[in-house]
């Protein structure tokens, strides 16, 4: 099972869309919140720099919001399934 992490920020509607999709797919995930200094520090220590949310980290590979939401507000579910191998 891949290690899945969601990088989110407060008041991010696309973050909630991504989280709900992961839950529907039955994927276990961990949330990293950019409003948390601890989570920001962890990302920097891992050499991960996120400029927009949401982002998805799967087994250390970062997938940015432009890949997850290529048309703006609609999640590319096929891309999501591919990266989480589901």
N, C-alpha and C. Protein backbone atom coordinates (compact mmCIF):
# COMPACT_ATOMS: atom_id res chain seq x y z
N UNK A 1 0.85 -1.18 0.00
CA UNK A 1 0.00 0.00 0.00
C UNK A 1 0.89 1.24 0.00
N UNK A 2 0.66 2.17 -0.93
CA UNK A 2 1.50 3.36 -0.98
C UNK A 2 1.25 4.28 0.22
N UNK A 3 2.26 5.05 0.58
CA UNK A 3 2.12 6.07 1.61
C UNK A 3 1.59 7.32 0.92
N UNK A 4 0.40 7.77 1.35
CA UNK A 4 -0.28 8.89 0.70
C UNK A 4 -0.41 10.04 1.69
N UNK A 5 0.01 11.23 1.24
CA UNK A 5 -0.10 12.43 2.07
C UNK A 5 -0.75 13.53 1.25
N UNK A 6 -1.67 14.24 1.88
CA UNK A 6 -2.34 15.38 1.26
C UNK A 6 -1.78 16.65 1.89
N UNK A 7 -1.30 17.56 1.06
CA UNK A 7 -0.86 18.86 1.55
C UNK A 7 -1.99 19.84 1.29
N UNK A 8 -2.51 20.44 2.37
CA UNK A 8 -3.66 21.32 2.24
C UNK A 8 -3.39 22.65 2.92
N UNK A 9 -4.29 23.57 2.70
CA UNK A 9 -4.25 24.86 3.37
C UNK A 9 -5.67 25.19 3.82
N UNK A 10 -5.82 26.10 4.77
CA UNK A 10 -7.16 26.46 5.23
C UNK A 10 -7.98 27.07 4.09
N UNK A 11 -9.27 26.86 4.15
CA UNK A 11 -10.20 27.45 3.17
C UNK A 11 -9.86 27.07 1.73
N UNK A 12 -9.47 25.83 1.53
CA UNK A 12 -9.10 25.34 0.20
C UNK A 12 -10.17 24.34 -0.26
N UNK A 13 -11.11 24.77 -1.09
CA UNK A 13 -12.18 23.86 -1.51
C UNK A 13 -11.67 22.66 -2.31
N UNK A 14 -10.64 22.85 -3.13
CA UNK A 14 -10.10 21.71 -3.89
C UNK A 14 -9.44 20.70 -2.96
N UNK A 15 -8.91 21.15 -1.83
CA UNK A 15 -8.33 20.23 -0.85
C UNK A 15 -9.41 19.27 -0.35
N UNK A 16 -10.58 19.82 -0.06
CA UNK A 16 -11.68 18.99 0.43
C UNK A 16 -12.17 18.03 -0.64
N UNK A 17 -12.18 18.46 -1.89
CA UNK A 17 -12.57 17.57 -3.00
C UNK A 17 -11.60 16.39 -3.08
N UNK A 18 -10.31 16.67 -2.98
CA UNK A 18 -9.30 15.61 -3.03
C UNK A 18 -9.44 14.65 -1.86
N UNK A 19 -9.63 15.18 -0.66
CA UNK A 19 -9.77 14.34 0.53
C UNK A 19 -11.00 13.45 0.41
N UNK A 20 -12.11 14.00 -0.03
CA UNK A 20 -13.33 13.19 -0.18
C UNK A 20 -13.15 12.10 -1.23
N UNK A 21 -12.44 12.40 -2.30
CA UNK A 21 -12.18 11.39 -3.34
C UNK A 21 -11.33 10.25 -2.77
N UNK A 22 -10.31 10.59 -2.01
CA UNK A 22 -9.47 9.55 -1.39
C UNK A 22 -10.30 8.68 -0.45
N UNK A 23 -11.17 9.31 0.31
CA UNK A 23 -12.03 8.55 1.23
C UNK A 23 -12.97 7.63 0.46
N UNK A 24 -13.55 8.12 -0.64
CA UNK A 24 -14.44 7.28 -1.46
C UNK A 24 -13.69 6.07 -2.02
N UNK A 25 -12.42 6.27 -2.34
CA UNK A 25 -11.60 5.18 -2.89
C UNK A 25 -11.04 4.27 -1.80
N UNK A 26 -11.29 4.61 -0.55
CA UNK A 26 -10.82 3.78 0.55
C UNK A 26 -9.32 3.88 0.80
N UNK A 27 -8.75 5.03 0.48
CA UNK A 27 -7.30 5.23 0.62
C UNK A 27 -7.00 5.84 1.99
N UNK A 28 -6.05 5.23 2.70
CA UNK A 28 -5.57 5.82 3.94
C UNK A 28 -4.58 6.92 3.58
N UNK A 29 -4.68 8.04 4.26
CA UNK A 29 -3.82 9.18 3.95
C UNK A 29 -3.52 9.96 5.22
N UNK A 30 -2.50 10.76 5.12
CA UNK A 30 -2.09 11.66 6.20
C UNK A 30 -2.20 13.08 5.66
N UNK A 31 -2.64 14.01 6.50
CA UNK A 31 -2.78 15.40 6.09
C UNK A 31 -1.61 16.22 6.63
N UNK A 32 -1.02 17.02 5.76
CA UNK A 32 -0.03 18.02 6.14
C UNK A 32 -0.65 19.38 5.83
N UNK A 33 -0.77 20.22 6.85
CA UNK A 33 -1.45 21.50 6.71
C UNK A 33 -0.42 22.63 6.65
N UNK A 34 -0.45 23.40 5.57
CA UNK A 34 0.52 24.48 5.40
C UNK A 34 0.36 25.60 6.41
N UNK A 35 -0.74 25.61 7.16
CA UNK A 35 -0.89 26.61 8.22
C UNK A 35 -0.17 26.17 9.50
N UNK A 36 0.35 24.96 9.51
CA UNK A 36 1.07 24.42 10.66
C UNK A 36 2.57 24.59 10.46
N UNK A 37 3.22 25.26 11.39
CA UNK A 37 4.67 25.45 11.30
C UNK A 37 5.38 24.10 11.32
N UNK A 38 4.87 23.17 12.12
CA UNK A 38 5.47 21.84 12.18
C UNK A 38 5.40 21.12 10.84
N UNK A 39 4.24 21.20 10.19
CA UNK A 39 4.09 20.55 8.88
C UNK A 39 4.95 21.24 7.82
N UNK A 40 5.01 22.58 7.86
CA UNK A 40 5.88 23.31 6.93
C UNK A 40 7.33 22.89 7.11
N UNK A 41 7.75 22.80 8.36
CA UNK A 41 9.13 22.41 8.66
C UNK A 41 9.42 21.01 8.15
N UNK A 42 8.48 20.09 8.37
CA UNK A 42 8.66 18.72 7.89
C UNK A 42 8.85 18.69 6.37
N UNK A 43 8.02 19.43 5.66
CA UNK A 43 8.13 19.46 4.20
C UNK A 43 9.49 20.02 3.76
N UNK A 44 9.92 21.10 4.38
CA UNK A 44 11.21 21.70 4.02
C UNK A 44 12.35 20.72 4.32
N UNK A 45 12.27 20.04 5.46
CA UNK A 45 13.31 19.07 5.81
C UNK A 45 13.37 17.92 4.81
N UNK A 46 12.24 17.64 4.19
CA UNK A 46 12.17 16.59 3.16
C UNK A 46 12.47 17.15 1.77
N UNK A 47 12.82 18.43 1.70
CA UNK A 47 13.13 19.11 0.45
C UNK A 47 11.92 19.16 -0.49
N UNK A 48 10.74 19.38 0.10
CA UNK A 48 9.49 19.49 -0.65
C UNK A 48 8.96 20.90 -0.46
N UNK A 49 8.75 21.60 -1.57
CA UNK A 49 8.28 22.98 -1.54
C UNK A 49 6.98 23.07 -2.34
N UNK A 50 5.89 23.37 -1.65
CA UNK A 50 4.57 23.43 -2.26
C UNK A 50 4.17 24.90 -2.39
N UNK A 51 3.80 25.32 -3.59
CA UNK A 51 3.40 26.72 -3.80
C UNK A 51 1.89 26.89 -3.92
N UNK A 52 1.16 25.81 -4.22
CA UNK A 52 -0.29 25.90 -4.24
C UNK A 52 -0.87 24.56 -3.78
N UNK A 53 -2.05 24.65 -3.19
CA UNK A 53 -2.70 23.45 -2.67
C UNK A 53 -3.96 23.17 -3.46
N UNK A 54 -4.37 21.90 -3.45
CA UNK A 54 -3.75 20.78 -2.75
C UNK A 54 -2.58 20.22 -3.53
N UNK A 55 -1.78 19.46 -2.82
CA UNK A 55 -0.75 18.64 -3.44
C UNK A 55 -0.88 17.25 -2.84
N UNK A 56 -0.45 16.28 -3.59
CA UNK A 56 -0.54 14.89 -3.15
C UNK A 56 0.86 14.30 -3.21
N UNK A 57 1.29 13.70 -2.11
CA UNK A 57 2.59 13.05 -2.07
C UNK A 57 2.32 11.56 -1.94
N UNK A 58 2.81 10.79 -2.91
CA UNK A 58 2.62 9.34 -2.89
C UNK A 58 4.00 8.69 -2.93
N UNK A 59 4.32 8.00 -1.85
CA UNK A 59 5.64 7.36 -1.74
C UNK A 59 6.77 8.33 -2.06
N UNK A 60 6.64 9.57 -1.61
CA UNK A 60 7.68 10.57 -1.80
C UNK A 60 7.60 11.36 -3.09
N UNK A 61 6.76 10.94 -4.04
CA UNK A 61 6.60 11.68 -5.30
C UNK A 61 5.50 12.73 -5.14
N UNK A 62 5.82 13.95 -5.50
CA UNK A 62 4.88 15.07 -5.33
C UNK A 62 4.07 15.26 -6.61
N UNK A 63 2.76 15.35 -6.43
CA UNK A 63 1.83 15.61 -7.53
C UNK A 63 1.12 16.92 -7.20
N UNK A 64 1.32 17.92 -8.04
CA UNK A 64 0.83 19.26 -7.75
C UNK A 64 -0.62 19.47 -8.20
N UNK A 65 -1.18 20.57 -7.74
CA UNK A 65 -2.59 20.86 -8.03
C UNK A 65 -2.87 20.98 -9.52
N UNK A 66 -1.90 21.44 -10.31
CA UNK A 66 -2.15 21.56 -11.75
C UNK A 66 -2.29 20.20 -12.41
N UNK A 67 -1.69 19.17 -11.84
CA UNK A 67 -1.85 17.79 -12.35
C UNK A 67 -3.15 17.18 -11.83
N UNK A 68 -3.50 17.47 -10.58
CA UNK A 68 -4.70 16.91 -9.97
C UNK A 68 -5.97 17.57 -10.50
N UNK A 69 -5.90 18.86 -10.77
CA UNK A 69 -7.05 19.64 -11.22
C UNK A 69 -6.69 20.38 -12.51
N UNK A 70 -6.46 19.66 -13.60
CA UNK A 70 -5.97 20.30 -14.83
C UNK A 70 -6.94 21.30 -15.45
N UNK A 71 -8.24 21.13 -15.19
CA UNK A 71 -9.21 22.06 -15.79
C UNK A 71 -9.71 23.10 -14.80
N UNK A 72 -9.05 23.22 -13.67
CA UNK A 72 -9.46 24.23 -12.69
C UNK A 72 -10.00 23.62 -11.42
N UNK A 73 -11.32 23.41 -11.38
CA UNK A 73 -11.94 22.91 -10.15
C UNK A 73 -12.33 21.44 -10.19
N UNK A 74 -12.16 20.78 -11.33
CA UNK A 74 -12.58 19.38 -11.44
C UNK A 74 -11.38 18.45 -11.28
N UNK A 75 -11.49 17.56 -10.30
CA UNK A 75 -10.43 16.59 -10.02
C UNK A 75 -10.33 15.58 -11.15
N UNK A 76 -9.12 15.31 -11.60
CA UNK A 76 -8.87 14.27 -12.60
C UNK A 76 -8.78 12.94 -11.86
N UNK A 77 -9.91 12.27 -11.73
CA UNK A 77 -9.99 11.04 -10.94
C UNK A 77 -9.14 9.93 -11.54
N UNK A 78 -9.06 9.87 -12.85
CA UNK A 78 -8.22 8.84 -13.49
C UNK A 78 -6.75 9.05 -13.14
N UNK A 79 -6.30 10.30 -13.15
CA UNK A 79 -4.92 10.59 -12.75
C UNK A 79 -4.72 10.19 -11.29
N UNK A 80 -5.68 10.53 -10.44
CA UNK A 80 -5.60 10.17 -9.02
C UNK A 80 -5.49 8.66 -8.85
N UNK A 81 -6.35 7.90 -9.52
CA UNK A 81 -6.29 6.44 -9.44
C UNK A 81 -4.93 5.91 -9.89
N UNK A 82 -4.40 6.51 -10.93
CA UNK A 82 -3.10 6.06 -11.46
C UNK A 82 -1.99 6.27 -10.43
N UNK A 83 -1.94 7.44 -9.82
CA UNK A 83 -0.83 7.72 -8.90
C UNK A 83 -0.96 6.97 -7.58
N UNK A 84 -2.19 6.65 -7.17
CA UNK A 84 -2.34 5.88 -5.93
C UNK A 84 -2.47 4.39 -6.21
N UNK A 85 -2.42 4.05 -7.51
CA UNK A 85 -2.49 2.66 -7.95
C UNK A 85 -3.75 1.96 -7.45
N UNK A 86 -4.89 2.58 -7.68
CA UNK A 86 -6.16 2.04 -7.21
C UNK A 86 -7.12 1.90 -8.37
